[in-house]
Amino acid sequence: DVYKRQGYDHITSGIGAAMIGWFGTAMLCYVTPKEHLGLPDRDDVKVGVITYKIAAHAADLAKGHPASQLRDDALSRARFEFRWEDQFNLSLDPETARSLHDETLPKEAHKTAHFCSMCGPKFCSMKISHDIRAEAQKEGMEEMARKYREGGDLYMPANAAGEAAE
């Protein structure tokens, strides 16, 4: 029964909005959490609008809209590179993203931290990926340096070119 979603109509309608957006509808009209329960206030309207921004973005991605993919890719890069301000600004609701981050990591120094509050610095998958890449790069550089040192005969003697011509 779809009416078991009281207080969550914005979510179920957002799912439908993403689907009809994918099929090419010209306009989406947001629904608030108070649908059929009461008159929405400013926060309810904000939640409804953000839900529909998410739905529209999902529809654009499903349709292969290049700008939507570029935005997602930019946000993913910002997340991987721990560029917190860029993550906030690229989100569909920067104010809420910043606020939620700051609830757990409130200091200004946390905006440059190379971890998030979920996993912390020891278990952050992004940080672990960075560390693995740095180690692989270091090993790769050392291996290439070793190969170049061993392959000192790579360069021909000065007279080798003349001998080859004869």
N, C-alpha and C. Protein backbone atom coordinates (compact mmCIF):
# COMPACT_ATOMS: atom_id res chain seq x y z
N ASP A 1 0.84 -1.18 0.00
CA ASP A 1 0.00 0.00 0.00
C ASP A 1 0.89 1.24 0.00
N VAL A 2 0.73 2.08 -1.00
CA VAL A 2 1.57 3.27 -1.11
C VAL A 2 1.31 4.28 -0.01
N TYR A 3 0.21 4.18 0.70
CA TYR A 3 -0.09 5.15 1.75
C TYR A 3 0.58 4.81 3.07
N LYS A 4 1.40 3.81 3.10
CA LYS A 4 2.20 3.50 4.29
C LYS A 4 3.42 4.41 4.37
N ARG A 5 3.58 5.26 3.41
CA ARG A 5 4.77 6.11 3.35
C ARG A 5 4.53 7.48 3.99
N GLN A 6 3.51 7.65 4.79
CA GLN A 6 3.19 8.94 5.40
C GLN A 6 4.43 9.60 5.96
N GLY A 7 4.66 10.83 5.57
CA GLY A 7 5.85 11.56 6.01
C GLY A 7 7.04 11.36 5.09
N TYR A 8 6.91 10.45 4.13
CA TYR A 8 8.01 10.16 3.20
C TYR A 8 7.56 10.24 1.75
N ASP A 9 6.46 10.92 1.50
CA ASP A 9 5.96 11.06 0.13
C ASP A 9 6.99 11.69 -0.79
N HIS A 10 7.83 12.56 -0.25
CA HIS A 10 8.85 13.21 -1.10
C HIS A 10 9.82 12.18 -1.65
N ILE A 11 10.07 11.12 -0.91
CA ILE A 11 11.01 10.09 -1.39
C ILE A 11 10.34 9.22 -2.45
N THR A 12 9.15 8.72 -2.16
CA THR A 12 8.50 7.86 -3.14
C THR A 12 8.16 8.62 -4.42
N SER A 13 7.74 9.88 -4.27
CA SER A 13 7.46 10.65 -5.48
C SER A 13 8.74 11.02 -6.22
N GLY A 14 9.84 11.18 -5.48
CA GLY A 14 11.13 11.44 -6.11
C GLY A 14 11.58 10.28 -6.98
N ILE A 15 11.29 9.06 -6.52
CA ILE A 15 11.62 7.87 -7.32
C ILE A 15 10.83 7.91 -8.64
N GLY A 16 9.54 8.20 -8.52
CA GLY A 16 8.72 8.33 -9.73
C GLY A 16 9.18 9.47 -10.62
N ALA A 17 9.58 10.57 -10.00
CA ALA A 17 10.06 11.73 -10.77
C ALA A 17 11.31 11.38 -11.56
N ALA A 18 12.21 10.61 -10.96
CA ALA A 18 13.42 10.20 -11.68
C ALA A 18 13.04 9.36 -12.90
N MET A 19 12.06 8.50 -12.72
CA MET A 19 11.65 7.64 -13.83
C MET A 19 10.98 8.44 -14.95
N ILE A 20 10.04 9.33 -14.60
CA ILE A 20 9.39 10.08 -15.67
C ILE A 20 10.34 11.10 -16.29
N GLY A 21 11.30 11.58 -15.50
CA GLY A 21 12.33 12.45 -16.06
C GLY A 21 13.17 11.71 -17.08
N TRP A 22 13.48 10.47 -16.78
CA TRP A 22 14.25 9.63 -17.69
C TRP A 22 13.49 9.44 -19.01
N PHE A 23 12.17 9.33 -18.89
CA PHE A 23 11.35 9.14 -20.09
C PHE A 23 11.05 10.44 -20.82
N GLY A 24 11.54 11.58 -20.29
CA GLY A 24 11.47 12.82 -21.04
C GLY A 24 10.40 13.81 -20.63
N THR A 25 9.84 13.69 -19.45
CA THR A 25 8.84 14.68 -19.05
C THR A 25 9.45 16.08 -19.06
N ALA A 26 8.62 17.08 -19.33
CA ALA A 26 9.12 18.45 -19.46
C ALA A 26 9.24 19.16 -18.12
N MET A 27 8.50 18.71 -17.09
CA MET A 27 8.52 19.43 -15.82
C MET A 27 8.30 18.47 -14.66
N LEU A 28 9.04 18.70 -13.59
CA LEU A 28 8.84 17.95 -12.35
C LEU A 28 8.35 18.93 -11.29
N CYS A 29 7.36 18.54 -10.51
CA CYS A 29 6.84 19.39 -9.45
C CYS A 29 7.06 18.68 -8.12
N TYR A 30 7.81 19.31 -7.24
CA TYR A 30 8.23 18.67 -6.00
C TYR A 30 7.06 18.34 -5.07
N VAL A 31 7.31 17.39 -4.19
CA VAL A 31 6.39 16.98 -3.14
C VAL A 31 7.15 17.10 -1.83
N THR A 32 6.47 17.51 -0.78
CA THR A 32 7.14 17.67 0.52
C THR A 32 6.84 16.48 1.43
N PRO A 33 7.58 16.34 2.53
CA PRO A 33 7.29 15.28 3.49
C PRO A 33 5.89 15.41 4.11
N LYS A 34 5.32 16.60 4.09
CA LYS A 34 4.00 16.81 4.71
C LYS A 34 2.84 16.58 3.74
N GLU A 35 3.12 16.06 2.56
CA GLU A 35 2.05 15.81 1.59
C GLU A 35 0.93 15.02 2.25
N HIS A 36 -0.30 15.53 2.16
CA HIS A 36 -1.51 14.92 2.73
C HIS A 36 -1.53 14.93 4.26
N LEU A 37 -0.55 15.54 4.90
CA LEU A 37 -0.51 15.57 6.37
C LEU A 37 -0.68 16.97 6.94
N GLY A 38 -0.23 17.97 6.22
CA GLY A 38 -0.31 19.33 6.72
C GLY A 38 0.31 20.29 5.73
N LEU A 39 0.28 21.56 6.07
CA LEU A 39 0.88 22.57 5.21
C LEU A 39 2.39 22.58 5.40
N PRO A 40 3.13 22.57 4.31
CA PRO A 40 4.59 22.53 4.44
C PRO A 40 5.15 23.87 4.92
N ASP A 41 6.21 23.79 5.70
CA ASP A 41 6.93 25.00 6.08
C ASP A 41 8.16 25.13 5.18
N ARG A 42 8.97 26.13 5.46
CA ARG A 42 10.14 26.40 4.62
C ARG A 42 11.07 25.18 4.53
N ASP A 43 11.34 24.52 5.65
CA ASP A 43 12.23 23.35 5.64
C ASP A 43 11.64 22.20 4.83
N ASP A 44 10.31 22.01 4.93
CA ASP A 44 9.67 20.95 4.14
C ASP A 44 9.82 21.22 2.64
N VAL A 45 9.64 22.47 2.26
CA VAL A 45 9.79 22.85 0.85
C VAL A 45 11.23 22.59 0.40
N LYS A 46 12.20 22.96 1.25
CA LYS A 46 13.60 22.74 0.89
C LYS A 46 13.87 21.25 0.68
N VAL A 47 13.38 20.41 1.59
CA VAL A 47 13.58 18.96 1.46
C VAL A 47 12.93 18.45 0.17
N GLY A 48 11.73 18.92 -0.14
CA GLY A 48 11.06 18.51 -1.37
C GLY A 48 11.82 18.93 -2.61
N VAL A 49 12.29 20.17 -2.63
CA VAL A 49 13.03 20.68 -3.79
C VAL A 49 14.34 19.92 -3.97
N ILE A 50 15.07 19.69 -2.89
CA ILE A 50 16.34 18.95 -2.98
C ILE A 50 16.07 17.52 -3.47
N THR A 51 15.02 16.90 -2.96
CA THR A 51 14.67 15.55 -3.41
C THR A 51 14.45 15.53 -4.92
N TYR A 52 13.79 16.56 -5.43
CA TYR A 52 13.52 16.61 -6.86
C TYR A 52 14.75 17.01 -7.67
N LYS A 53 15.64 17.76 -7.07
CA LYS A 53 16.92 18.04 -7.75
C LYS A 53 17.69 16.73 -7.91
N ILE A 54 17.64 15.89 -6.88
CA ILE A 54 18.29 14.58 -6.96
C ILE A 54 17.62 13.74 -8.04
N ALA A 55 16.29 13.74 -8.06
CA ALA A 55 15.56 12.97 -9.07
C ALA A 55 15.90 13.44 -10.48
N ALA A 56 15.92 14.76 -10.68
CA ALA A 56 16.24 15.31 -12.01
C ALA A 56 17.66 14.96 -12.41
N HIS A 57 18.57 15.02 -11.46
CA HIS A 57 19.97 14.68 -11.75
C HIS A 57 20.08 13.20 -12.13
N ALA A 58 19.38 12.34 -11.38
CA ALA A 58 19.39 10.90 -11.70
C ALA A 58 18.83 10.67 -13.11
N ALA A 59 17.76 11.37 -13.45
CA ALA A 59 17.18 11.23 -14.79
C ALA A 59 18.16 11.69 -15.85
N ASP A 60 18.83 12.81 -15.61
CA ASP A 60 19.81 13.30 -16.58
C ASP A 60 20.96 12.32 -16.76
N LEU A 61 21.41 11.71 -15.67
CA LEU A 61 22.46 10.69 -15.77
C LEU A 61 21.97 9.50 -16.59
N ALA A 62 20.75 9.06 -16.30
CA ALA A 62 20.19 7.91 -17.02
C ALA A 62 20.06 8.20 -18.52
N LYS A 63 19.80 9.46 -18.86
CA LYS A 63 19.68 9.85 -20.27
C LYS A 63 21.03 10.10 -20.91
N GLY A 64 22.09 10.06 -20.13
CA GLY A 64 23.42 10.29 -20.67
C GLY A 64 23.76 11.75 -20.87
N HIS A 65 23.13 12.62 -20.12
CA HIS A 65 23.40 14.06 -20.24
C HIS A 65 24.84 14.33 -19.80
N PRO A 66 25.69 14.85 -20.70
CA PRO A 66 27.11 14.99 -20.39
C PRO A 66 27.41 15.92 -19.21
N ALA A 67 26.66 16.98 -19.05
CA ALA A 67 26.94 17.92 -17.94
C ALA A 67 26.71 17.26 -16.59
N SER A 68 25.70 16.40 -16.51
CA SER A 68 25.45 15.70 -15.25
C SER A 68 26.59 14.75 -14.92
N GLN A 69 27.09 14.07 -15.93
CA GLN A 69 28.21 13.16 -15.70
C GLN A 69 29.47 13.93 -15.32
N LEU A 70 29.69 15.07 -15.97
CA LEU A 70 30.86 15.90 -15.63
C LEU A 70 30.79 16.36 -14.18
N ARG A 71 29.60 16.75 -13.74
CA ARG A 71 29.44 17.19 -12.35
C ARG A 71 29.72 16.04 -11.39
N ASP A 72 29.18 14.86 -11.67
CA ASP A 72 29.44 13.70 -10.82
C ASP A 72 30.92 13.36 -10.80
N ASP A 73 31.55 13.40 -11.97
CA ASP A 73 32.98 13.09 -12.04
C ASP A 73 33.80 14.11 -11.25
N ALA A 74 33.43 15.38 -11.36
CA ALA A 74 34.14 16.43 -10.61
C ALA A 74 33.97 16.23 -9.11
N LEU A 75 32.77 15.86 -8.69
CA LEU A 75 32.54 15.60 -7.27
C LEU A 75 33.33 14.38 -6.81
N SER A 76 33.38 13.35 -7.63
CA SER A 76 34.16 12.15 -7.28
C SER A 76 35.64 12.48 -7.15
N ARG A 77 36.16 13.29 -8.07
CA ARG A 77 37.58 13.69 -7.98
C ARG A 77 37.82 14.51 -6.72
N ALA A 78 36.91 15.42 -6.43
CA ALA A 78 37.05 16.25 -5.22
C ALA A 78 37.03 15.37 -3.97
N ARG A 79 36.17 14.37 -3.98
CA ARG A 79 36.10 13.46 -2.83
C ARG A 79 37.40 12.66 -2.71
N PHE A 80 37.89 12.14 -3.83
CA PHE A 80 39.12 11.33 -3.80
C PHE A 80 40.33 12.16 -3.38
N GLU A 81 40.32 13.44 -3.75
CA GLU A 81 41.45 14.33 -3.44
C GLU A 81 41.25 15.11 -2.13
N PHE A 82 40.19 14.78 -1.40
CA PHE A 82 39.91 15.41 -0.10
C PHE A 82 39.76 16.92 -0.21
N ARG A 83 39.19 17.38 -1.30
CA ARG A 83 38.93 18.81 -1.47
C ARG A 83 37.52 19.08 -0.95
N TRP A 84 37.42 19.27 0.37
CA TRP A 84 36.13 19.38 1.04
C TRP A 84 35.29 20.54 0.53
N GLU A 85 35.87 21.71 0.38
CA GLU A 85 35.08 22.86 -0.08
C GLU A 85 34.51 22.61 -1.47
N ASP A 86 35.28 21.98 -2.35
CA ASP A 86 34.76 21.64 -3.67
C ASP A 86 33.63 20.61 -3.56
N GLN A 87 33.78 19.65 -2.65
CA GLN A 87 32.71 18.67 -2.45
C GLN A 87 31.43 19.37 -2.02
N PHE A 88 31.54 20.28 -1.06
CA PHE A 88 30.35 21.00 -0.60
C PHE A 88 29.72 21.77 -1.76
N ASN A 89 30.55 22.51 -2.48
CA ASN A 89 30.04 23.39 -3.54
C ASN A 89 29.47 22.63 -4.73
N LEU A 90 29.96 21.44 -4.99
CA LEU A 90 29.46 20.64 -6.11
C LEU A 90 28.22 19.82 -5.74
N SER A 91 27.91 19.75 -4.46
CA SER A 91 26.75 18.97 -4.04
C SER A 91 25.47 19.70 -4.45
N LEU A 92 24.36 18.98 -4.46
CA LEU A 92 23.09 19.59 -4.83
C LEU A 92 22.54 20.48 -3.72
N ASP A 93 23.08 20.35 -2.51
CA ASP A 93 22.68 21.18 -1.38
C ASP A 93 23.91 21.51 -0.55
N PRO A 94 24.73 22.45 -1.01
CA PRO A 94 25.99 22.77 -0.32
C PRO A 94 25.82 23.13 1.16
N GLU A 95 24.78 23.85 1.47
CA GLU A 95 24.56 24.27 2.86
C GLU A 95 24.41 23.06 3.79
N THR A 96 23.59 22.10 3.38
CA THR A 96 23.38 20.91 4.20
C THR A 96 24.63 20.05 4.23
N ALA A 97 25.31 19.90 3.10
CA ALA A 97 26.55 19.10 3.07
C ALA A 97 27.57 19.66 4.05
N ARG A 98 27.76 20.96 4.02
CA ARG A 98 28.72 21.62 4.92
C ARG A 98 28.29 21.45 6.38
N SER A 99 27.02 21.63 6.64
CA SER A 99 26.49 21.53 8.00
C SER A 99 26.66 20.11 8.56
N LEU A 100 26.33 19.11 7.76
CA LEU A 100 26.47 17.72 8.22
C LEU A 100 27.93 17.37 8.48
N HIS A 101 28.82 17.83 7.62
CA HIS A 101 30.25 17.60 7.82
C HIS A 101 30.71 18.23 9.13
N ASP A 102 30.28 19.47 9.34
CA ASP A 102 30.76 20.23 10.49
C ASP A 102 30.18 19.76 11.81
N GLU A 103 29.10 19.00 11.78
CA GLU A 103 28.56 18.44 13.03
C GLU A 103 29.58 17.51 13.68
N THR A 104 30.27 16.74 12.86
CA THR A 104 31.23 15.77 13.37
C THR A 104 32.66 16.29 13.35
N LEU A 105 32.99 17.03 12.31
CA LEU A 105 34.35 17.56 12.17
C LEU A 105 34.27 19.09 12.06
N PRO A 106 34.09 19.77 13.19
CA PRO A 106 33.78 21.20 13.16
C PRO A 106 34.97 22.14 12.94
N LYS A 107 36.18 21.69 13.20
CA LYS A 107 37.32 22.60 13.12
C LYS A 107 37.64 22.93 11.66
N GLU A 108 38.15 24.14 11.47
CA GLU A 108 38.52 24.57 10.11
C GLU A 108 39.59 23.64 9.52
N ALA A 109 40.46 23.11 10.37
CA ALA A 109 41.50 22.18 9.90
C ALA A 109 40.90 20.92 9.29
N HIS A 110 39.70 20.56 9.71
CA HIS A 110 39.05 19.37 9.16
C HIS A 110 38.63 19.57 7.70
N LYS A 111 38.61 20.80 7.23
CA LYS A 111 38.26 21.05 5.83
C LYS A 111 39.43 20.73 4.90
N THR A 112 40.59 20.45 5.49
CA THR A 112 41.74 20.02 4.69
C THR A 112 42.18 18.61 5.09
N ALA A 113 41.41 17.97 5.95
CA ALA A 113 41.75 16.63 6.43
C ALA A 113 41.67 15.62 5.29
N HIS A 114 42.54 14.65 5.33
CA HIS A 114 42.55 13.60 4.32
C HIS A 114 41.86 12.35 4.85
N PHE A 115 40.68 12.56 5.41
CA PHE A 115 39.81 11.49 5.88
C PHE A 115 38.45 12.11 6.20
N CYS A 116 37.45 11.26 6.36
CA CYS A 116 36.14 11.76 6.77
C CYS A 116 35.78 11.17 8.13
N SER A 117 34.64 11.54 8.65
CA SER A 117 34.27 11.09 9.99
C SER A 117 33.78 9.65 10.02
N MET A 118 33.44 9.08 8.89
CA MET A 118 32.92 7.71 8.88
C MET A 118 33.98 6.69 9.26
N CYS A 119 35.11 6.75 8.61
CA CYS A 119 36.15 5.73 8.80
C CYS A 119 37.34 6.25 9.59
N GLY A 120 37.51 7.54 9.63
CA GLY A 120 38.66 8.11 10.32
C GLY A 120 39.93 7.96 9.51
N PRO A 121 41.04 8.47 10.02
CA PRO A 121 42.28 8.48 9.25
C PRO A 121 42.89 7.10 9.02
N LYS A 122 42.62 6.13 9.88
CA LYS A 122 43.25 4.81 9.73
C LYS A 122 42.51 3.89 8.77
N PHE A 123 41.22 4.12 8.57
CA PHE A 123 40.44 3.19 7.76
C PHE A 123 39.77 3.84 6.55
N CYS A 124 40.15 5.05 6.23
CA CYS A 124 39.56 5.75 5.10
C CYS A 124 40.00 5.10 3.78
N SER A 125 39.04 4.62 3.01
CA SER A 125 39.39 3.92 1.76
C SER A 125 40.08 4.85 0.77
N MET A 126 39.71 6.12 0.76
CA MET A 126 40.36 7.07 -0.15
C MET A 126 41.81 7.29 0.26
N LYS A 127 42.04 7.44 1.56
CA LYS A 127 43.41 7.64 2.05
C LYS A 127 44.25 6.39 1.79
N ILE A 128 43.67 5.22 2.02
CA ILE A 128 44.39 3.97 1.76
C ILE A 128 44.75 3.88 0.28
N SER A 129 43.82 4.26 -0.60
CA SER A 129 44.10 4.25 -2.04
C SER A 129 45.25 5.20 -2.38
N HIS A 130 45.23 6.39 -1.77
CA HIS A 130 46.33 7.35 -1.98
C HIS A 130 47.66 6.74 -1.53
N ASP A 131 47.67 6.13 -0.35
CA ASP A 131 48.90 5.54 0.19
C ASP A 131 49.42 4.42 -0.71
N ILE A 132 48.52 3.58 -1.20
CA ILE A 132 48.92 2.49 -2.09
C ILE A 132 49.50 3.04 -3.39
N ARG A 133 48.84 4.05 -3.95
CA ARG A 133 49.35 4.67 -5.19
C ARG A 133 50.73 5.29 -4.97
N ALA A 134 50.89 5.99 -3.85
CA ALA A 134 52.18 6.63 -3.56
C ALA A 134 53.27 5.58 -3.42
N GLU A 135 52.97 4.49 -2.74
CA GLU A 135 53.96 3.42 -2.56
C GLU A 135 54.28 2.77 -3.90
N ALA A 136 53.27 2.52 -4.72
CA ALA A 136 53.49 1.91 -6.03
C ALA A 136 54.32 2.84 -6.91
N GLN A 137 54.03 4.12 -6.84
CA GLN A 137 54.80 5.08 -7.63
C GLN A 137 56.25 5.10 -7.17
N LYS A 138 56.45 5.08 -5.86
CA LYS A 138 57.81 5.07 -5.32
C LYS A 138 58.56 3.81 -5.77
N GLU A 139 57.89 2.66 -5.65
CA GLU A 139 58.51 1.40 -6.08
C GLU A 139 58.78 1.42 -7.58
N GLY A 140 57.85 1.96 -8.34
CA GLY A 140 58.03 2.04 -9.79
C GLY A 140 59.19 2.93 -10.16
N MET A 141 59.33 4.05 -9.47
CA MET A 141 60.45 4.96 -9.73
C MET A 141 61.77 4.29 -9.37
N GLU A 142 61.78 3.60 -8.23
CA GLU A 142 63.01 2.92 -7.82
C GLU A 142 63.38 1.82 -8.81
N GLU A 143 62.37 1.10 -9.30
CA GLU A 143 62.61 0.03 -10.27
C GLU A 143 63.15 0.61 -11.58
N MET A 144 62.57 1.70 -12.05
CA MET A 144 63.05 2.31 -13.28
C MET A 144 64.48 2.83 -13.11
N ALA A 145 64.78 3.41 -11.96
CA ALA A 145 66.13 3.91 -11.70
C ALA A 145 67.12 2.75 -11.72
N ARG A 146 66.73 1.61 -11.13
CA ARG A 146 67.59 0.44 -11.12
C ARG A 146 67.83 -0.04 -12.55
N LYS A 147 66.78 -0.08 -13.36
CA LYS A 147 66.93 -0.53 -14.75
C LYS A 147 67.86 0.39 -15.53
N TYR A 148 67.74 1.68 -15.32
CA TYR A 148 68.61 2.62 -16.02
C TYR A 148 70.06 2.47 -15.57
N ARG A 149 70.25 2.25 -14.28
CA ARG A 149 71.63 2.06 -13.79
C ARG A 149 72.23 0.78 -14.37
N GLU A 150 71.44 -0.29 -14.40
CA GLU A 150 71.93 -1.56 -14.94
C GLU A 150 72.14 -1.47 -16.44
N GLY A 151 71.33 -0.70 -17.09
CA GLY A 151 71.41 -0.61 -18.55
C GLY A 151 72.27 0.54 -19.00
N GLY A 152 73.38 0.74 -18.34
CA GLY A 152 74.28 1.84 -18.70
C GLY A 152 74.79 1.73 -20.12
N ASP A 153 74.74 0.53 -20.71
CA ASP A 153 75.22 0.36 -22.07
C ASP A 153 74.15 0.75 -23.09
N LEU A 154 73.10 1.37 -22.60
CA LEU A 154 72.03 1.83 -23.46
C LEU A 154 72.54 2.84 -24.48
N TYR A 155 73.48 3.66 -24.05
CA TYR A 155 74.01 4.68 -24.94
C TYR A 155 75.16 4.10 -25.75
N MET A 156 75.21 4.45 -27.04
CA MET A 156 76.26 3.95 -27.92
C MET A 156 77.53 4.76 -27.72
N PRO A 157 78.66 4.12 -27.89
CA PRO A 157 79.92 4.88 -27.85
C PRO A 157 79.91 5.91 -28.97
N ALA A 158 80.71 6.94 -28.82
CA ALA A 158 80.74 8.04 -29.78
C ALA A 158 81.06 7.56 -31.19
N ASN A 159 81.92 6.56 -31.34
CA ASN A 159 82.31 6.12 -32.68
C ASN A 159 81.39 5.03 -33.22
N ALA A 160 80.43 4.58 -32.46
CA ALA A 160 79.56 3.48 -32.91
C ALA A 160 78.75 3.88 -34.13
N ALA A 161 78.31 5.09 -34.20
CA ALA A 161 77.51 5.54 -35.35
C ALA A 161 78.35 5.52 -36.62
N GLY A 162 79.61 5.93 -36.52
CA GLY A 162 80.50 5.93 -37.68
C GLY A 162 80.82 4.52 -38.12
N GLU A 163 81.00 3.58 -37.17
CA GLU A 163 81.31 2.20 -37.51
C GLU A 163 80.13 1.54 -38.21
N ALA A 164 78.92 1.89 -37.78
CA ALA A 164 77.73 1.29 -38.38
C ALA A 164 77.57 1.75 -39.83
N ALA A 165 78.00 2.97 -40.12
CA ALA A 165 77.85 3.51 -41.48
C ALA A 165 78.83 2.85 -42.43
N GLU A 166 79.95 2.35 -41.92
CA GLU A 166 80.98 1.77 -42.80
C GLU A 166 80.63 0.43 -43.28
